[in-house]
C-alpha cells in the first residue's frame, strides 16, 4: 500500500510562514492527521462496498 502526501499541509505551512503564528504548527499537524484518518476511513469503506458487491 503506497502512502501519498496531499498538497494541503504545504499550503497550511505557507500560511504559517506568512502569519508567523506558533499555533500554526498545531493546526497543520491536526489537519494532516485528520486528512490521513479520512483517507483511511474512505479506503476502508470502498473496500467494504467492493467486497459486498463482488
PDB file of N, CA and C in Angstrom:
ATOM      1  N   UNK A   1       0.856  -1.194   0.000  1.00  0.00           N
ATOM      2  CA  UNK A   1       0.000   0.000   0.000  1.00  0.00           C
ATOM      3  C   UNK A   1       0.896   1.250   0.000  1.00  0.00           C
ATOM      4  N   UNK A   2       0.664   2.126  -0.940  1.00  0.00           N
ATOM      5  CA  UNK A   2       1.509   3.319  -1.032  1.00  0.00           C
ATOM      6  C   UNK A   2       0.928   4.433  -0.179  1.00  0.00           C
ATOM      7  N   UNK A   3       1.797   5.318   0.255  1.00  0.00           N
ATOM      8  CA  UNK A   3       1.366   6.439   1.094  1.00  0.00           C
ATOM      9  C   UNK A   3       1.506   7.723   0.286  1.00  0.00           C
ATOM     10  N   UNK A   4       0.402   8.414   0.059  1.00  0.00           N
ATOM     11  CA  UNK A   4       0.505   9.667  -0.701  1.00  0.00           C
ATOM     12  C   UNK A   4       0.375  10.869   0.226  1.00  0.00           C
ATOM     13  N   UNK A   5       1.169  11.894  -0.060  1.00  0.00           N
ATOM     14  CA  UNK A   5       1.089  13.129   0.717  1.00  0.00           C
ATOM     15  C   UNK A   5       0.314  14.162  -0.091  1.00  0.00           C
ATOM     16  N   UNK A   6      -0.760  14.691   0.495  1.00  0.00           N
ATOM     17  CA  UNK A   6      -1.550  15.704  -0.219  1.00  0.00           C
ATOM     18  C   UNK A   6      -0.854  17.052  -0.215  1.00  0.00           C
ATOM     19  N   UNK A   7      -1.360  17.976  -1.023  1.00  0.00           N
ATOM     20  CA  UNK A   7      -0.749  19.301  -1.100  1.00  0.00           C
ATOM     21  C   UNK A   7      -1.241  20.251  -0.020  1.00  0.00           C
ATOM     22  N   UNK A   8      -2.333  19.888   0.668  1.00  0.00           N
ATOM     23  CA  UNK A   8      -2.933  20.793   1.650  1.00  0.00           C
ATOM     24  C   UNK A   8      -1.991  21.209   2.773  1.00  0.00           C
ATOM     25  N   UNK A   9      -1.287  20.264   3.430  1.00  0.00           N
ATOM     26  CA  UNK A   9      -0.412  20.676   4.541  1.00  0.00           C
ATOM     27  C   UNK A   9       0.628  21.711   4.122  1.00  0.00           C
ATOM     28  N   UNK A  10       1.136  21.601   2.882  1.00  0.00           N
ATOM     29  CA  UNK A  10       2.113  22.583   2.409  1.00  0.00           C
ATOM     30  C   UNK A  10       1.486  23.977   2.369  1.00  0.00           C
ATOM     31  N   UNK A  11       0.252  24.052   1.903  1.00  0.00           N
ATOM     32  CA  UNK A  11      -0.442  25.342   1.837  1.00  0.00           C
ATOM     33  C   UNK A  11      -0.604  25.896   3.257  1.00  0.00           C
ATOM     34  N   UNK A  12      -0.990  25.034   4.195  1.00  0.00           N
ATOM     35  CA  UNK A  12      -1.170  25.466   5.586  1.00  0.00           C
ATOM     36  C   UNK A  12       0.150  25.977   6.131  1.00  0.00           C
ATOM     37  N   UNK A  13       1.263  25.253   5.839  1.00  0.00           N
ATOM     38  CA  UNK A  13       2.569  25.674   6.337  1.00  0.00           C
ATOM     39  C   UNK A  13       2.957  27.020   5.749  1.00  0.00           C
ATOM     40  N   UNK A  14       2.668  27.228   4.466  1.00  0.00           N
ATOM     41  CA  UNK A  14       2.993  28.502   3.823  1.00  0.00           C
ATOM     42  C   UNK A  14       2.245  29.632   4.532  1.00  0.00           C
ATOM     43  N   UNK A  15       0.992  29.403   4.841  1.00  0.00           N
ATOM     44  CA  UNK A  15       0.175  30.389   5.563  1.00  0.00           C
ATOM     45  C   UNK A  15       0.809  30.669   6.916  1.00  0.00           C
ATOM     46  N   UNK A  16       1.369  29.634   7.535  1.00  0.00           N
ATOM     47  CA  UNK A  16       2.028  29.801   8.830  1.00  0.00           C
ATOM     48  C   UNK A  16       3.224  30.716   8.704  1.00  0.00           C
ATOM     49  N   UNK A  17       4.023  30.504   7.653  1.00  0.00           N
ATOM     50  CA  UNK A  17       5.217  31.327   7.456  1.00  0.00           C
ATOM     51  C   UNK A  17       4.795  32.786   7.327  1.00  0.00           C
ATOM     52  N   UNK A  18       3.679  33.022   6.630  1.00  0.00           N
ATOM     53  CA  UNK A  18       3.201  34.394   6.441  1.00  0.00           C
ATOM     54  C   UNK A  18       2.760  35.010   7.770  1.00  0.00           C
ATOM     55  N   UNK A  19       2.033  34.247   8.566  1.00  0.00           N
ATOM     56  CA  UNK A  19       1.478  34.801   9.807  1.00  0.00           C
ATOM     57  C   UNK A  19       2.456  34.716  10.976  1.00  0.00           C
ATOM     58  N   UNK A  20       3.466  33.836  10.861  1.00  0.00           N
ATOM     59  CA  UNK A  20       4.445  33.654  11.949  1.00  0.00           C
ATOM     60  C   UNK A  20       3.735  33.347  13.266  1.00  0.00           C
ATOM     61  N   UNK A  21       2.725  32.476  13.193  1.00  0.00           N
ATOM     62  CA  UNK A  21       1.968  32.116  14.391  1.00  0.00           C
ATOM     63  C   UNK A  21       2.388  30.723  14.856  1.00  0.00           C
ATOM     64  N   UNK A  22       2.678  30.590  16.121  1.00  0.00           N
ATOM     65  CA  UNK A  22       3.145  29.307  16.664  1.00  0.00           C
ATOM     66  C   UNK A  22       2.039  28.250  16.611  1.00  0.00           C
ATOM     67  N   UNK A  23       0.807  28.672  16.814  1.00  0.00           N
ATOM     68  CA  UNK A  23      -0.311  27.717  16.799  1.00  0.00           C
ATOM     69  C   UNK A  23      -0.437  27.040  15.452  1.00  0.00           C
ATOM     70  N   UNK A  24       0.145  27.674  14.439  1.00  0.00           N
ATOM     71  CA  UNK A  24       0.025  27.166  13.082  1.00  0.00           C
ATOM     72  C   UNK A  24       0.544  25.744  12.961  1.00  0.00           C
ATOM     73  N   UNK A  25       1.633  25.434  13.650  1.00  0.00           N
ATOM     74  CA  UNK A  25       2.182  24.079  13.588  1.00  0.00           C
ATOM     75  C   UNK A  25       1.150  23.079  14.090  1.00  0.00           C
ATOM     76  N   UNK A  26       0.468  23.436  15.170  1.00  0.00           N
ATOM     77  CA  UNK A  26      -0.548  22.545  15.730  1.00  0.00           C
ATOM     78  C   UNK A  26      -1.680  22.357  14.725  1.00  0.00           C
ATOM     79  N   UNK A  27      -2.117  23.445  14.104  1.00  0.00           N
ATOM     80  CA  UNK A  27      -3.202  23.372  13.120  1.00  0.00           C
ATOM     81  C   UNK A  27      -2.777  22.506  11.936  1.00  0.00           C
ATOM     82  N   UNK A  28      -1.546  22.703  11.460  1.00  0.00           N
ATOM     83  CA  UNK A  28      -1.055  21.913  10.326  1.00  0.00           C
ATOM     84  C   UNK A  28      -1.018  20.435  10.693  1.00  0.00           C
ATOM     85  N   UNK A  29      -0.538  20.126  11.891  1.00  0.00           N
ATOM     86  CA  UNK A  29      -0.477  18.727  12.324  1.00  0.00           C
ATOM     87  C   UNK A  29      -1.876  18.133  12.406  1.00  0.00           C
ATOM     88  N   UNK A  30      -2.806  18.867  13.018  1.00  0.00           N
ATOM     89  CA  UNK A  30      -4.174  18.373  13.164  1.00  0.00           C
ATOM     90  C   UNK A  30      -4.806  18.144  11.796  1.00  0.00           C
ATOM     91  N   UNK A  31      -4.570  19.082  10.868  1.00  0.00           N
ATOM     92  CA  UNK A  31      -5.129  18.945   9.520  1.00  0.00           C
ATOM     93  C   UNK A  31      -4.588  17.692   8.850  1.00  0.00           C
ATOM     94  N   UNK A  32      -3.274  17.488   8.946  1.00  0.00           N
ATOM     95  CA  UNK A  32      -2.659  16.317   8.315  1.00  0.00           C
ATOM     96  C   UNK A  32      -3.217  15.034   8.913  1.00  0.00           C
ATOM     97  N   UNK A  33      -3.298  14.983  10.240  1.00  0.00           N
ATOM     98  CA  UNK A  33      -3.799  13.779  10.913  1.00  0.00           C
ATOM     99  C   UNK A  33      -5.240  13.506  10.504  1.00  0.00           C
ATOM    100  N   UNK A  34      -6.076  14.544  10.493  1.00  0.00           N
ATOM    101  CA  UNK A  34      -7.483  14.356  10.136  1.00  0.00           C
ATOM    102  C   UNK A  34      -7.624  13.903   8.690  1.00  0.00           C
ATOM    103  N   UNK A  35      -6.780  14.453   7.794  1.00  0.00           N
ATOM    104  CA  UNK A  35      -6.844  14.032   6.391  1.00  0.00           C
ATOM    105  C   UNK A  35      -6.437  12.564   6.254  1.00  0.00           C
ATOM    106  N   UNK A  36      -5.419  12.148   6.992  1.00  0.00           N
ATOM    107  CA  UNK A  36      -4.979  10.740   6.950  1.00  0.00           C
ATOM    108  C   UNK A  36      -6.107   9.834   7.422  1.00  0.00           C
ATOM    109  N   UNK A  37      -6.736  10.200   8.552  1.00  0.00           N
ATOM    110  CA  UNK A  37      -7.825   9.391   9.108  1.00  0.00           C
ATOM    111  C   UNK A  37      -8.969   9.307   8.099  1.00  0.00           C
ATOM    112  N   UNK A  38      -9.296  10.438   7.471  1.00  0.00           N
ATOM    113  CA  UNK A  38     -10.380  10.451   6.485  1.00  0.00           C
ATOM    114  C   UNK A  38     -10.034   9.548   5.305  1.00  0.00           C
ATOM    115  N   UNK A  39      -8.797   9.621   4.820  1.00  0.00           N
ATOM    116  CA  UNK A  39      -8.381   8.779   3.690  1.00  0.00           C
ATOM    117  C   UNK A  39      -8.500   7.306   4.056  1.00  0.00           C
ATOM    118  N   UNK A  40      -8.028   6.943   5.254  1.00  0.00           N
ATOM    119  CA  UNK A  40      -8.096   5.546   5.695  1.00  0.00           C
ATOM    120  C   UNK A  40      -9.556   5.103   5.793  1.00  0.00           C
ATOM    121  N   UNK A  41     -10.415   5.957   6.351  1.00  0.00           N
ATOM    122  CA  UNK A  41     -11.832   5.617   6.505  1.00  0.00           C
ATOM    123  C   UNK A  41     -12.494   5.438   5.146  1.00  0.00           C
ATOM    124  N   UNK A  42     -12.188   6.342   4.200  1.00  0.00           N
ATOM    125  CA  UNK A  42     -12.774   6.251   2.858  1.00  0.00           C
ATOM    126  C   UNK A  42     -12.311   4.968   2.178  1.00  0.00           C
ATOM    127  N   UNK A  43     -11.003   4.665   2.292  1.00  0.00           N
ATOM    128  CA  UNK A  43     -10.479   3.442   1.678  1.00  0.00           C
ATOM    129  C   UNK A  43     -11.157   2.222   2.257  1.00  0.00           C
ATOM    130  N   UNK A  44     -11.286   2.186   3.587  1.00  0.00           N
ATOM    131  CA  UNK A  44     -11.926   1.049   4.236  1.00  0.00           C
ATOM    132  C   UNK A  44     -13.365   0.888   3.770  1.00  0.00           C
ATOM    133  N   UNK A  45     -14.075   1.991   3.639  1.00  0.00           N
ATOM    134  CA  UNK A  45     -15.465   1.959   3.186  1.00  0.00           C
ATOM    135  C   UNK A  45     -15.546   1.434   1.757  1.00  0.00           C
ATOM    136  N   UNK A  46     -14.666   1.916   0.874  1.00  0.00           N
ATOM    137  CA  UNK A  46     -14.673   1.468  -0.520  1.00  0.00           C
ATOM    138  C   UNK A  46     -14.373  -0.019  -0.606  1.00  0.00           C
ATOM    139  N   UNK A  47     -13.419  -0.496   0.191  1.00  0.00           N
ATOM    140  CA  UNK A  47     -13.090  -1.925   0.186  1.00  0.00           C
ATOM    141  C   UNK A  47     -14.300  -2.732   0.627  1.00  0.00           C
ATOM    142  N   UNK A  48     -14.992  -2.264   1.670  1.00  0.00           N
ATOM    143  CA  UNK A  48     -16.168  -2.970   2.176  1.00  0.00           C
ATOM    144  C   UNK A  48     -17.252  -3.020   1.103  1.00  0.00           C
ATOM    145  N   UNK A  49     -17.499  -1.889   0.434  1.00  0.00           N
ATOM    146  CA  UNK A  49     -18.524  -1.838  -0.613  1.00  0.00           C
ATOM    147  C   UNK A  49     -18.142  -2.767  -1.761  1.00  0.00           C
ATOM    148  N   UNK A  50     -16.869  -2.740  -2.156  1.00  0.00           N
ATOM    149  CA  UNK A  50     -16.418  -3.592  -3.263  1.00  0.00           C
ATOM    150  C   UNK A  50     -16.612  -5.066  -2.914  1.00  0.00           C
ATOM    151  N   UNK A  51     -16.299  -5.453  -1.688  1.00  0.00           N
ATOM    152  CA  UNK A  51     -16.464  -6.852  -1.276  1.00  0.00           C
ATOM    153  C   UNK A  51     -17.941  -7.219  -1.250  1.00  0.00           C
ATOM    154  N   UNK A  52     -18.767  -6.297  -0.802  1.00  0.00           N
ATOM    155  CA  UNK A  52     -20.203  -6.557  -0.716  1.00  0.00           C
ATOM    156  C   UNK A  52     -20.792  -6.763  -2.109  1.00  0.00           C
ATOM    157  N   UNK A  53     -20.372  -5.938  -3.066  1.00  0.00           N
ATOM    158  CA  UNK A  53     -20.895  -6.025  -4.435  1.00  0.00           C
ATOM    159  C   UNK A  53     -20.372  -7.281  -5.122  1.00  0.00           C
ATOM    160  N   UNK A  54     -19.103  -7.618  -4.905  1.00  0.00           N
ATOM    161  CA  UNK A  54     -18.471  -8.731  -5.622  1.00  0.00           C
ATOM    162  C   UNK A  54     -18.997 -10.097  -5.228  1.00  0.00           C
TER     163      UNK A  54
END
